[in-house]
Amino acid sequence: MCSESRRPTKPTPDSYSFENGVSKIDGTGGFADVWKRGHFGWQYKKDRANLDRAYQQLQLYSVALEHPPLLVVSDTKRFRIYTNWTNTVQAKHEASLEGRRPVFGRGAGAVHPSRASLCSATSG
């Protein structure tokens, strides 16, 4: 529907959510910062946080999040993407935002947020 109308469809809490309440594998509760069913789980921390601990925390949520294929942890300047595909060897990809231009910045190729299409960003 999104591609036909060029308008984004509204996500539902059971397919996409922020601060998704989950049960950890140890039986205690917690919150996954961002989650999209079948796509990713994301844990966001403050600047200079221990991303290894954030990843361990996200792993405790992965069962309740239905084993998303990508597990992402980040702080304000760094992020890591861990592949979590079934029957494959896991890979870790790291990146830093230090010295990079903002996505919606000024200059050649900049896009104003009001013109960014949610459909194009989520299609595929």
Protein backbone atom coordinates (compact mmCIF):
# COMPACT_ATOMS: atom_id res chain seq x y z
CA MET A 1 0.00 0.00 0.00
CA CYS A 2 2.83 2.39 0.79
CA SER A 3 4.33 2.07 -2.69
CA GLU A 4 0.95 2.47 -4.41
CA SER A 5 -0.13 5.65 -2.65
CA ARG A 6 3.40 7.04 -2.00
CA ARG A 7 2.16 7.73 1.52
CA PRO A 8 3.52 5.86 4.52
CA THR A 9 1.30 3.36 6.24
CA LYS A 10 0.93 3.78 9.97
CA PRO A 11 2.98 1.22 11.89
CA THR A 12 1.21 -0.84 14.53
CA PRO A 13 2.63 -1.51 18.01
CA ASP A 14 2.88 -5.23 17.25
CA SER A 15 5.08 -4.61 14.19
CA TYR A 16 7.09 -1.47 15.07
CA SER A 17 7.57 0.25 18.39
CA PHE A 18 9.68 2.47 20.61
CA GLU A 19 10.34 1.45 24.22
CA ASN A 20 8.88 -1.99 23.58
CA GLY A 21 8.25 -3.74 26.91
CA VAL A 22 9.72 -7.25 26.81
CA SER A 23 10.51 -10.20 29.04
CA LYS A 24 14.20 -11.05 29.15
CA ILE A 25 15.34 -14.65 28.88
CA ASP A 26 16.11 -14.56 32.62
CA GLY A 27 12.42 -13.79 33.38
CA THR A 28 12.86 -10.13 34.32
CA GLY A 29 11.38 -7.26 32.34
CA GLY A 30 13.00 -4.58 30.25
CA PHE A 31 12.54 -2.26 27.29
CA ALA A 32 13.97 -2.51 23.78
CA ASP A 33 14.46 1.05 22.58
CA VAL A 34 13.35 0.48 18.97
CA TRP A 35 12.04 -2.68 17.31
CA LYS A 36 10.61 -3.57 13.92
CA ARG A 37 9.26 -7.09 13.51
CA GLY A 38 11.39 -9.20 11.18
CA HIS A 39 13.97 -6.41 10.71
CA PHE A 40 15.86 -5.18 13.78
CA GLY A 41 16.13 -4.58 17.50
CA TRP A 42 17.95 -1.41 18.59
CA GLN A 43 19.36 -0.41 21.96
CA TYR A 44 20.42 3.24 22.30
CA LYS A 45 22.69 4.49 25.08
CA LYS A 46 24.13 7.81 26.23
CA ASP A 47 27.45 9.14 24.92
CA ARG A 48 30.49 6.90 25.55
CA ALA A 49 28.38 4.04 26.86
CA ASN A 50 29.68 0.49 26.93
CA LEU A 51 28.30 -0.91 23.67
CA ASP A 52 29.32 -4.46 24.64
CA ARG A 53 26.98 -4.26 27.63
CA ALA A 54 24.25 -2.74 25.45
CA TYR A 55 24.61 -5.69 23.07
CA GLN A 56 24.40 -8.18 25.95
CA GLN A 57 21.22 -6.42 27.09
CA LEU A 58 19.72 -6.61 23.59
CA GLN A 59 20.58 -10.31 23.36
CA LEU A 60 18.51 -10.88 26.51
CA TYR A 61 15.54 -9.34 24.64
CA SER A 62 16.04 -11.17 21.34
CA VAL A 63 13.69 -14.08 22.11
CA ALA A 64 10.85 -11.73 23.07
CA LEU A 65 11.59 -9.69 19.93
CA GLU A 66 11.23 -12.83 17.78
CA HIS A 67 14.95 -13.03 16.92
CA PRO A 68 15.34 -10.00 14.63
CA PRO A 69 17.99 -10.53 11.92
CA LEU A 70 19.84 -7.32 12.86
CA LEU A 71 20.77 -6.25 16.38
CA VAL A 72 21.89 -2.62 16.60
CA VAL A 73 23.50 -0.86 19.54
CA SER A 74 24.54 2.78 19.57
CA ASP A 75 25.39 5.84 21.55
CA THR A 76 25.38 9.44 20.33
CA LYS A 77 28.46 9.00 18.11
CA ARG A 78 28.99 5.29 17.42
CA PHE A 79 26.91 2.36 16.36
CA ARG A 80 27.35 -1.36 15.82
CA ILE A 81 25.23 -3.65 13.71
CA TYR A 82 25.35 -7.37 14.47
CA THR A 83 23.89 -9.80 11.95
CA ASN A 84 21.66 -12.37 13.60
CA TRP A 85 20.51 -14.47 10.63
CA THR A 86 19.46 -18.06 11.30
CA ASN A 87 22.11 -20.68 10.43
CA THR A 88 24.82 -18.15 9.55
CA VAL A 89 28.01 -16.92 11.16
CA GLN A 90 27.41 -13.63 12.93
CA ALA A 91 29.16 -10.51 11.66
CA LYS A 92 29.75 -7.20 13.45
CA HIS A 93 29.88 -3.88 11.58
CA GLU A 94 30.99 -0.71 13.34
CA ALA A 95 30.75 2.94 12.33
CA SER A 96 31.27 6.34 13.87
CA LEU A 97 29.46 9.58 13.21
CA GLU A 98 32.55 11.62 14.07
CA GLY A 99 33.39 13.94 11.17
CA ARG A 100 30.36 12.94 9.07
CA ARG A 101 27.85 15.36 7.63
CA PRO A 102 24.29 15.13 8.94
CA VAL A 103 21.84 13.26 6.70
CA PHE A 104 19.60 16.31 6.50
CA GLY A 105 22.53 18.78 6.45
CA ARG A 106 23.25 21.71 4.21
CA GLY A 107 25.00 21.64 0.88
CA ALA A 108 24.86 19.52 -2.23
CA GLY A 109 22.59 16.53 -1.93
CA ALA A 110 20.97 17.71 1.30
CA VAL A 111 17.33 16.80 1.79
CA HIS A 112 14.94 18.81 3.90
CA PRO A 113 13.21 16.52 6.44
CA SER A 114 9.76 17.60 5.22
CA ARG A 115 10.64 16.22 1.76
CA ALA A 116 12.11 12.92 2.92
CA SER A 117 9.89 10.01 1.97
CA LEU A 118 9.24 7.37 4.59
CA CYS A 119 8.16 5.05 1.78
CA SER A 120 11.50 5.23 0.00
CA ALA A 121 13.38 4.84 3.27
CA THR A 122 11.52 1.66 4.22
CA SER A 123 10.88 0.00 0.87
CA GLY A 124 12.74 -3.13 -0.10
